[in-house]
N, C-alpha and C. Protein backbone atom coordinates (compact mmCIF):
# COMPACT_ATOMS: atom_id res chain seq x y z
N ALA A 1 -6.95 -7.63 8.91
CA ALA A 1 -7.69 -7.33 7.69
C ALA A 1 -8.01 -5.85 7.67
N LEU A 2 -7.90 -5.31 6.51
CA LEU A 2 -8.27 -3.92 6.29
C LEU A 2 -8.49 -3.77 4.80
N GLY A 3 -9.63 -3.28 4.40
CA GLY A 3 -9.86 -3.08 2.98
C GLY A 3 -11.07 -3.80 2.46
N ASP A 4 -11.05 -4.06 1.16
CA ASP A 4 -12.24 -4.57 0.50
C ASP A 4 -12.08 -5.99 -0.01
N CYS A 5 -11.20 -6.76 0.58
CA CYS A 5 -11.03 -8.16 0.21
C CYS A 5 -11.59 -9.06 1.31
N CYS A 6 -11.77 -10.32 0.97
CA CYS A 6 -12.28 -11.28 1.95
C CYS A 6 -11.51 -12.58 1.82
N LEU A 7 -11.19 -13.17 2.95
CA LEU A 7 -10.49 -14.44 3.00
C LEU A 7 -11.49 -15.55 3.31
N PHE A 8 -11.52 -16.56 2.45
CA PHE A 8 -12.40 -17.72 2.64
C PHE A 8 -11.56 -18.89 3.11
N CYS A 9 -11.98 -19.52 4.17
CA CYS A 9 -11.33 -20.70 4.72
C CYS A 9 -12.27 -21.87 4.47
N GLU A 10 -11.88 -22.77 3.57
CA GLU A 10 -12.75 -23.87 3.18
C GLU A 10 -12.05 -25.21 3.37
N VAL A 11 -12.85 -26.20 3.71
CA VAL A 11 -12.40 -27.58 3.78
C VAL A 11 -13.30 -28.34 2.81
N GLY A 12 -12.72 -28.81 1.72
CA GLY A 12 -13.54 -29.40 0.66
C GLY A 12 -14.47 -28.34 0.11
N ASP A 13 -15.75 -28.64 0.07
CA ASP A 13 -16.75 -27.68 -0.41
C ASP A 13 -17.40 -26.90 0.71
N GLN A 14 -16.96 -27.12 1.94
CA GLN A 14 -17.57 -26.46 3.10
C GLN A 14 -16.83 -25.19 3.48
N LEU A 15 -17.58 -24.10 3.63
CA LEU A 15 -17.00 -22.85 4.10
C LEU A 15 -16.92 -22.93 5.62
N GLU A 16 -15.70 -22.96 6.13
CA GLU A 16 -15.49 -23.02 7.58
C GLU A 16 -15.58 -21.63 8.20
N ARG A 17 -15.08 -20.64 7.46
CA ARG A 17 -15.04 -19.27 7.98
C ARG A 17 -14.71 -18.31 6.84
N SER A 18 -15.18 -17.10 6.96
CA SER A 18 -14.76 -16.03 6.06
C SER A 18 -14.34 -14.86 6.95
N PHE A 19 -13.40 -14.07 6.43
CA PHE A 19 -12.84 -13.00 7.26
C PHE A 19 -12.43 -11.84 6.38
N PRO A 20 -12.71 -10.63 6.71
CA PRO A 20 -13.46 -10.15 7.86
C PRO A 20 -14.97 -10.06 7.59
N LEU A 21 -15.38 -10.35 6.35
CA LEU A 21 -16.79 -10.24 6.00
C LEU A 21 -17.44 -11.62 6.01
N THR A 22 -18.76 -11.64 6.24
CA THR A 22 -19.44 -12.93 6.36
C THR A 22 -20.60 -13.10 5.40
N SER A 23 -20.90 -12.07 4.60
CA SER A 23 -21.98 -12.19 3.62
C SER A 23 -21.80 -11.14 2.52
N ALA A 24 -22.51 -11.32 1.42
CA ALA A 24 -22.44 -10.36 0.32
C ALA A 24 -22.93 -8.99 0.77
N ASP A 25 -23.85 -8.96 1.70
CA ASP A 25 -24.40 -7.68 2.19
C ASP A 25 -23.38 -6.86 2.98
N ASP A 26 -22.29 -7.47 3.43
CA ASP A 26 -21.28 -6.76 4.21
C ASP A 26 -20.42 -5.82 3.36
N PHE A 27 -20.43 -5.99 2.06
CA PHE A 27 -19.61 -5.15 1.18
C PHE A 27 -20.29 -3.79 1.02
N THR A 28 -19.50 -2.75 1.19
CA THR A 28 -20.03 -1.39 1.06
C THR A 28 -19.27 -0.66 -0.05
N THR A 29 -19.70 0.55 -0.34
CA THR A 29 -19.03 1.34 -1.37
C THR A 29 -17.88 2.16 -0.80
N ARG A 30 -17.70 2.13 0.52
CA ARG A 30 -16.62 2.91 1.14
C ARG A 30 -15.86 2.10 2.19
N PRO A 31 -15.14 1.05 1.74
CA PRO A 31 -14.37 0.28 2.72
C PRO A 31 -13.19 1.08 3.24
N ILE A 32 -12.73 0.74 4.42
CA ILE A 32 -11.53 1.37 4.97
C ILE A 32 -10.33 0.70 4.29
N LEU A 33 -9.55 1.47 3.56
CA LEU A 33 -8.43 0.92 2.81
C LEU A 33 -7.11 1.29 3.47
N VAL A 34 -6.07 0.56 3.13
CA VAL A 34 -4.73 0.88 3.61
C VAL A 34 -4.30 2.16 2.89
N PRO A 35 -3.99 3.22 3.63
CA PRO A 35 -3.63 4.48 2.98
C PRO A 35 -2.22 4.43 2.40
N SER A 36 -2.04 5.12 1.29
CA SER A 36 -0.70 5.19 0.70
C SER A 36 0.19 6.15 1.50
N ASN A 37 -0.41 7.13 2.17
CA ASN A 37 0.34 8.04 3.02
C ASN A 37 -0.28 7.97 4.42
N HIS A 38 0.27 7.08 5.25
CA HIS A 38 -0.35 6.83 6.56
C HIS A 38 -0.32 8.06 7.47
N ARG A 39 0.56 9.01 7.23
CA ARG A 39 0.59 10.21 8.07
C ARG A 39 -0.68 11.06 7.89
N LEU A 40 -1.31 10.95 6.74
CA LEU A 40 -2.55 11.70 6.50
C LEU A 40 -3.76 10.99 7.14
N TYR A 41 -3.61 9.69 7.42
CA TYR A 41 -4.71 8.89 7.96
C TYR A 41 -4.23 8.09 9.17
N GLU A 42 -3.75 8.79 10.18
CA GLU A 42 -3.18 8.11 11.34
C GLU A 42 -4.20 7.28 12.10
N ASP A 43 -5.48 7.55 11.92
CA ASP A 43 -6.50 6.83 12.67
C ASP A 43 -6.91 5.50 12.02
N PHE A 44 -6.25 5.08 10.93
CA PHE A 44 -6.65 3.83 10.29
C PHE A 44 -6.21 2.61 11.09
N GLY A 45 -5.16 2.72 11.88
CA GLY A 45 -4.61 1.59 12.64
C GLY A 45 -5.62 0.84 13.49
N PRO A 46 -6.44 1.53 14.28
CA PRO A 46 -7.42 0.82 15.11
C PRO A 46 -8.50 0.09 14.30
N GLN A 47 -8.60 0.39 13.01
CA GLN A 47 -9.60 -0.27 12.16
C GLN A 47 -9.15 -1.66 11.71
N VAL A 48 -7.88 -1.98 11.90
CA VAL A 48 -7.36 -3.27 11.49
C VAL A 48 -7.97 -4.36 12.37
N ILE A 49 -8.46 -5.43 11.72
CA ILE A 49 -9.08 -6.55 12.43
C ILE A 49 -8.13 -7.74 12.31
N ARG A 50 -7.96 -8.47 13.40
CA ARG A 50 -7.06 -9.63 13.40
C ARG A 50 -7.84 -10.91 13.69
N ALA A 51 -7.36 -12.00 13.11
CA ALA A 51 -7.96 -13.31 13.37
C ALA A 51 -6.86 -14.36 13.29
N THR A 52 -7.05 -15.41 14.02
CA THR A 52 -6.12 -16.53 13.97
C THR A 52 -6.93 -17.83 13.90
N GLY A 53 -6.28 -18.87 13.53
CA GLY A 53 -6.94 -20.16 13.48
C GLY A 53 -6.00 -21.22 12.95
N PRO A 54 -6.37 -22.47 13.07
CA PRO A 54 -5.50 -23.56 12.62
C PRO A 54 -5.49 -23.67 11.10
N TRP A 55 -4.37 -24.12 10.60
CA TRP A 55 -4.25 -24.40 9.18
C TRP A 55 -3.63 -25.78 9.05
N HIS A 56 -4.29 -26.66 8.34
CA HIS A 56 -3.82 -28.03 8.18
C HIS A 56 -4.03 -28.46 6.73
N PRO A 57 -3.57 -29.63 6.34
CA PRO A 57 -3.59 -30.02 4.93
C PRO A 57 -4.96 -29.95 4.24
N GLU A 58 -6.05 -30.10 4.96
CA GLU A 58 -7.37 -30.09 4.33
C GLU A 58 -7.90 -28.67 4.09
N VAL A 59 -7.29 -27.67 4.71
CA VAL A 59 -7.79 -26.30 4.63
C VAL A 59 -7.26 -25.60 3.37
N ARG A 60 -8.18 -24.94 2.67
CA ARG A 60 -7.81 -24.11 1.52
C ARG A 60 -8.17 -22.67 1.86
N LEU A 61 -7.21 -21.78 1.76
CA LEU A 61 -7.45 -20.36 1.99
C LEU A 61 -7.49 -19.64 0.65
N THR A 62 -8.54 -18.86 0.43
CA THR A 62 -8.68 -18.13 -0.82
C THR A 62 -9.01 -16.68 -0.50
N LEU A 63 -8.15 -15.79 -0.96
CA LEU A 63 -8.35 -14.35 -0.80
C LEU A 63 -8.94 -13.82 -2.10
N MET A 64 -10.09 -13.11 -1.98
CA MET A 64 -10.76 -12.57 -3.17
C MET A 64 -11.02 -11.08 -2.98
N SER A 65 -10.84 -10.33 -4.06
CA SER A 65 -11.19 -8.92 -4.02
C SER A 65 -12.71 -8.78 -3.97
N ASP A 66 -13.19 -7.58 -3.69
CA ASP A 66 -14.59 -7.37 -3.31
C ASP A 66 -15.63 -7.85 -4.31
N ALA A 67 -15.50 -7.55 -5.59
CA ALA A 67 -16.53 -7.91 -6.55
C ALA A 67 -16.72 -9.43 -6.63
N VAL A 68 -15.62 -10.15 -6.77
CA VAL A 68 -15.72 -11.60 -6.88
C VAL A 68 -16.07 -12.24 -5.53
N ALA A 69 -15.62 -11.66 -4.42
CA ALA A 69 -15.96 -12.20 -3.10
C ALA A 69 -17.45 -12.06 -2.82
N ALA A 70 -18.03 -10.91 -3.13
CA ALA A 70 -19.46 -10.71 -2.92
C ALA A 70 -20.24 -11.69 -3.79
N TRP A 71 -19.82 -11.87 -5.02
CA TRP A 71 -20.46 -12.83 -5.92
C TRP A 71 -20.34 -14.24 -5.35
N TYR A 72 -19.15 -14.58 -4.84
CA TYR A 72 -18.90 -15.93 -4.33
C TYR A 72 -19.80 -16.25 -3.13
N PHE A 73 -20.02 -15.28 -2.25
CA PHE A 73 -20.93 -15.53 -1.13
C PHE A 73 -22.30 -15.97 -1.64
N VAL A 74 -22.78 -15.35 -2.71
CA VAL A 74 -24.11 -15.66 -3.25
C VAL A 74 -24.11 -16.98 -4.01
N HIS A 75 -23.05 -17.26 -4.77
CA HIS A 75 -23.06 -18.39 -5.71
C HIS A 75 -22.17 -19.57 -5.31
N ARG A 76 -21.54 -19.54 -4.15
CA ARG A 76 -20.56 -20.57 -3.82
C ARG A 76 -21.14 -21.98 -3.78
N GLU A 77 -22.41 -22.12 -3.44
CA GLU A 77 -23.02 -23.45 -3.35
C GLU A 77 -23.74 -23.85 -4.64
N SER A 78 -23.57 -23.06 -5.70
CA SER A 78 -24.22 -23.36 -6.97
C SER A 78 -23.19 -23.92 -7.96
N GLU A 79 -23.69 -24.28 -9.14
CA GLU A 79 -22.78 -24.74 -10.19
C GLU A 79 -21.78 -23.65 -10.57
N ARG A 80 -22.21 -22.39 -10.52
CA ARG A 80 -21.31 -21.28 -10.86
C ARG A 80 -20.15 -21.20 -9.86
N GLY A 81 -20.46 -21.29 -8.58
CA GLY A 81 -19.42 -21.26 -7.56
C GLY A 81 -18.47 -22.43 -7.69
N ASP A 82 -19.03 -23.60 -7.97
CA ASP A 82 -18.22 -24.79 -8.16
C ASP A 82 -17.30 -24.63 -9.38
N ALA A 83 -17.83 -24.05 -10.44
CA ALA A 83 -17.01 -23.83 -11.64
C ALA A 83 -15.85 -22.88 -11.35
N LEU A 84 -16.12 -21.82 -10.60
CA LEU A 84 -15.03 -20.89 -10.25
C LEU A 84 -13.99 -21.58 -9.38
N ARG A 85 -14.44 -22.34 -8.39
CA ARG A 85 -13.51 -23.04 -7.50
C ARG A 85 -12.62 -23.99 -8.31
N LYS A 86 -13.21 -24.75 -9.22
CA LYS A 86 -12.43 -25.68 -10.05
C LYS A 86 -11.48 -24.94 -10.98
N ALA A 87 -11.93 -23.82 -11.53
CA ALA A 87 -11.06 -23.04 -12.43
C ALA A 87 -9.86 -22.51 -11.67
N VAL A 88 -10.08 -22.01 -10.47
CA VAL A 88 -8.99 -21.48 -9.66
C VAL A 88 -8.04 -22.60 -9.26
N GLU A 89 -8.57 -23.74 -8.87
CA GLU A 89 -7.75 -24.84 -8.37
C GLU A 89 -6.98 -25.56 -9.46
N ARG A 90 -7.63 -25.81 -10.60
CA ARG A 90 -7.02 -26.72 -11.55
C ARG A 90 -6.79 -26.16 -12.95
N VAL A 91 -7.68 -25.31 -13.39
CA VAL A 91 -7.66 -24.94 -14.79
C VAL A 91 -6.78 -23.75 -15.08
N GLY A 92 -6.96 -22.68 -14.33
CA GLY A 92 -6.06 -21.56 -14.51
C GLY A 92 -6.72 -20.24 -14.86
N ARG A 93 -5.86 -19.30 -15.13
CA ARG A 93 -6.22 -17.89 -15.30
C ARG A 93 -7.25 -17.65 -16.41
N ARG A 94 -7.09 -18.27 -17.55
CA ARG A 94 -8.02 -18.04 -18.66
C ARG A 94 -9.43 -18.49 -18.30
N ALA A 95 -9.57 -19.64 -17.67
CA ALA A 95 -10.88 -20.14 -17.28
C ALA A 95 -11.53 -19.22 -16.26
N VAL A 96 -10.74 -18.71 -15.32
CA VAL A 96 -11.26 -17.77 -14.33
C VAL A 96 -11.75 -16.51 -15.03
N ARG A 97 -10.94 -15.99 -15.95
CA ARG A 97 -11.32 -14.78 -16.69
C ARG A 97 -12.62 -14.99 -17.47
N ASP A 98 -12.79 -16.17 -18.08
CA ASP A 98 -14.01 -16.47 -18.83
C ASP A 98 -15.23 -16.47 -17.91
N ILE A 99 -15.11 -17.06 -16.73
CA ILE A 99 -16.22 -17.09 -15.78
C ILE A 99 -16.55 -15.68 -15.32
N VAL A 100 -15.54 -14.90 -14.99
CA VAL A 100 -15.77 -13.52 -14.54
C VAL A 100 -16.48 -12.71 -15.63
N GLU A 101 -16.01 -12.82 -16.86
CA GLU A 101 -16.65 -12.09 -17.96
C GLU A 101 -18.10 -12.52 -18.15
N GLU A 102 -18.36 -13.81 -18.08
CA GLU A 102 -19.73 -14.32 -18.23
C GLU A 102 -20.63 -13.81 -17.11
N GLU A 103 -20.13 -13.80 -15.89
CA GLU A 103 -20.94 -13.34 -14.76
C GLU A 103 -21.17 -11.83 -14.82
N ARG A 104 -20.18 -11.08 -15.26
CA ARG A 104 -20.36 -9.63 -15.43
C ARG A 104 -21.39 -9.36 -16.52
N ASP A 105 -21.22 -10.05 -17.67
CA ASP A 105 -22.15 -9.85 -18.79
C ASP A 105 -23.57 -10.23 -18.39
N GLY A 106 -23.72 -11.21 -17.51
CA GLY A 106 -25.04 -11.64 -17.05
C GLY A 106 -25.59 -10.77 -15.93
N GLY A 107 -24.82 -9.76 -15.50
CA GLY A 107 -25.28 -8.86 -14.44
C GLY A 107 -25.24 -9.47 -13.06
N ARG A 108 -24.53 -10.58 -12.91
CA ARG A 108 -24.46 -11.25 -11.60
C ARG A 108 -23.24 -10.83 -10.79
N MET A 109 -22.26 -10.18 -11.45
CA MET A 109 -21.05 -9.71 -10.76
C MET A 109 -20.80 -8.26 -11.15
N ARG A 110 -20.44 -7.46 -10.14
CA ARG A 110 -20.10 -6.06 -10.43
C ARG A 110 -18.89 -6.00 -11.36
N ASN A 111 -18.89 -5.01 -12.22
CA ASN A 111 -17.78 -4.80 -13.13
C ASN A 111 -16.70 -4.02 -12.39
N ASP A 112 -15.85 -4.73 -11.70
CA ASP A 112 -14.79 -4.15 -10.88
C ASP A 112 -13.57 -5.06 -11.00
N ASP A 113 -12.46 -4.61 -10.46
CA ASP A 113 -11.25 -5.43 -10.51
C ASP A 113 -11.50 -6.76 -9.82
N VAL A 114 -10.79 -7.79 -10.29
CA VAL A 114 -10.92 -9.12 -9.71
C VAL A 114 -9.52 -9.66 -9.44
N ALA A 115 -9.31 -10.06 -8.20
CA ALA A 115 -8.06 -10.72 -7.82
C ALA A 115 -8.40 -11.91 -6.95
N ILE A 116 -7.74 -13.03 -7.21
CA ILE A 116 -7.97 -14.25 -6.43
C ILE A 116 -6.60 -14.88 -6.16
N LEU A 117 -6.37 -15.19 -4.89
CA LEU A 117 -5.15 -15.85 -4.47
C LEU A 117 -5.53 -17.03 -3.59
N THR A 118 -5.05 -18.23 -3.93
CA THR A 118 -5.38 -19.42 -3.16
C THR A 118 -4.11 -20.02 -2.56
N LEU A 119 -4.20 -20.38 -1.28
CA LEU A 119 -3.10 -21.04 -0.58
C LEU A 119 -3.56 -22.42 -0.13
N GLU A 120 -2.78 -23.41 -0.47
CA GLU A 120 -3.07 -24.77 -0.04
C GLU A 120 -1.82 -25.36 0.60
N TRP A 121 -2.02 -26.25 1.52
CA TRP A 121 -0.94 -26.93 2.22
C TRP A 121 -0.18 -27.80 1.21
N ALA A 122 1.14 -27.74 1.26
CA ALA A 122 1.96 -28.58 0.39
C ALA A 122 3.01 -29.27 1.24
N ASP A 123 3.03 -30.57 1.19
CA ASP A 123 4.07 -31.35 1.89
C ASP A 123 5.29 -31.41 0.98
N ARG A 124 6.44 -31.04 1.53
CA ARG A 124 7.67 -31.09 0.72
C ARG A 124 8.72 -31.82 1.47
């Protein structure tokens, strides 16, 4: 991990682990980002954090950019968090955008870029 995103590892509604951040307070205004020209920032390599763990059919991995991840830490156990989880899982992009806009307008989420990627086990 390197940068301003956070990976959530959940089983059902339970947060099993988050990586590399563990709370909304962990987000700062100056995260260490992947440089576009690594020769100018040769010292970024040691800042990379690694983690491993099991992945099985019940585990859902969700990668969120900083604004929505910080919000999710605060609201994940509320109706708002549940609505976002359901929108990401079942409803789709428009529903997610509506929730993000509502939370920004309500002052509960920073007005910043939002990206969400979810990985779930699929038997084929």
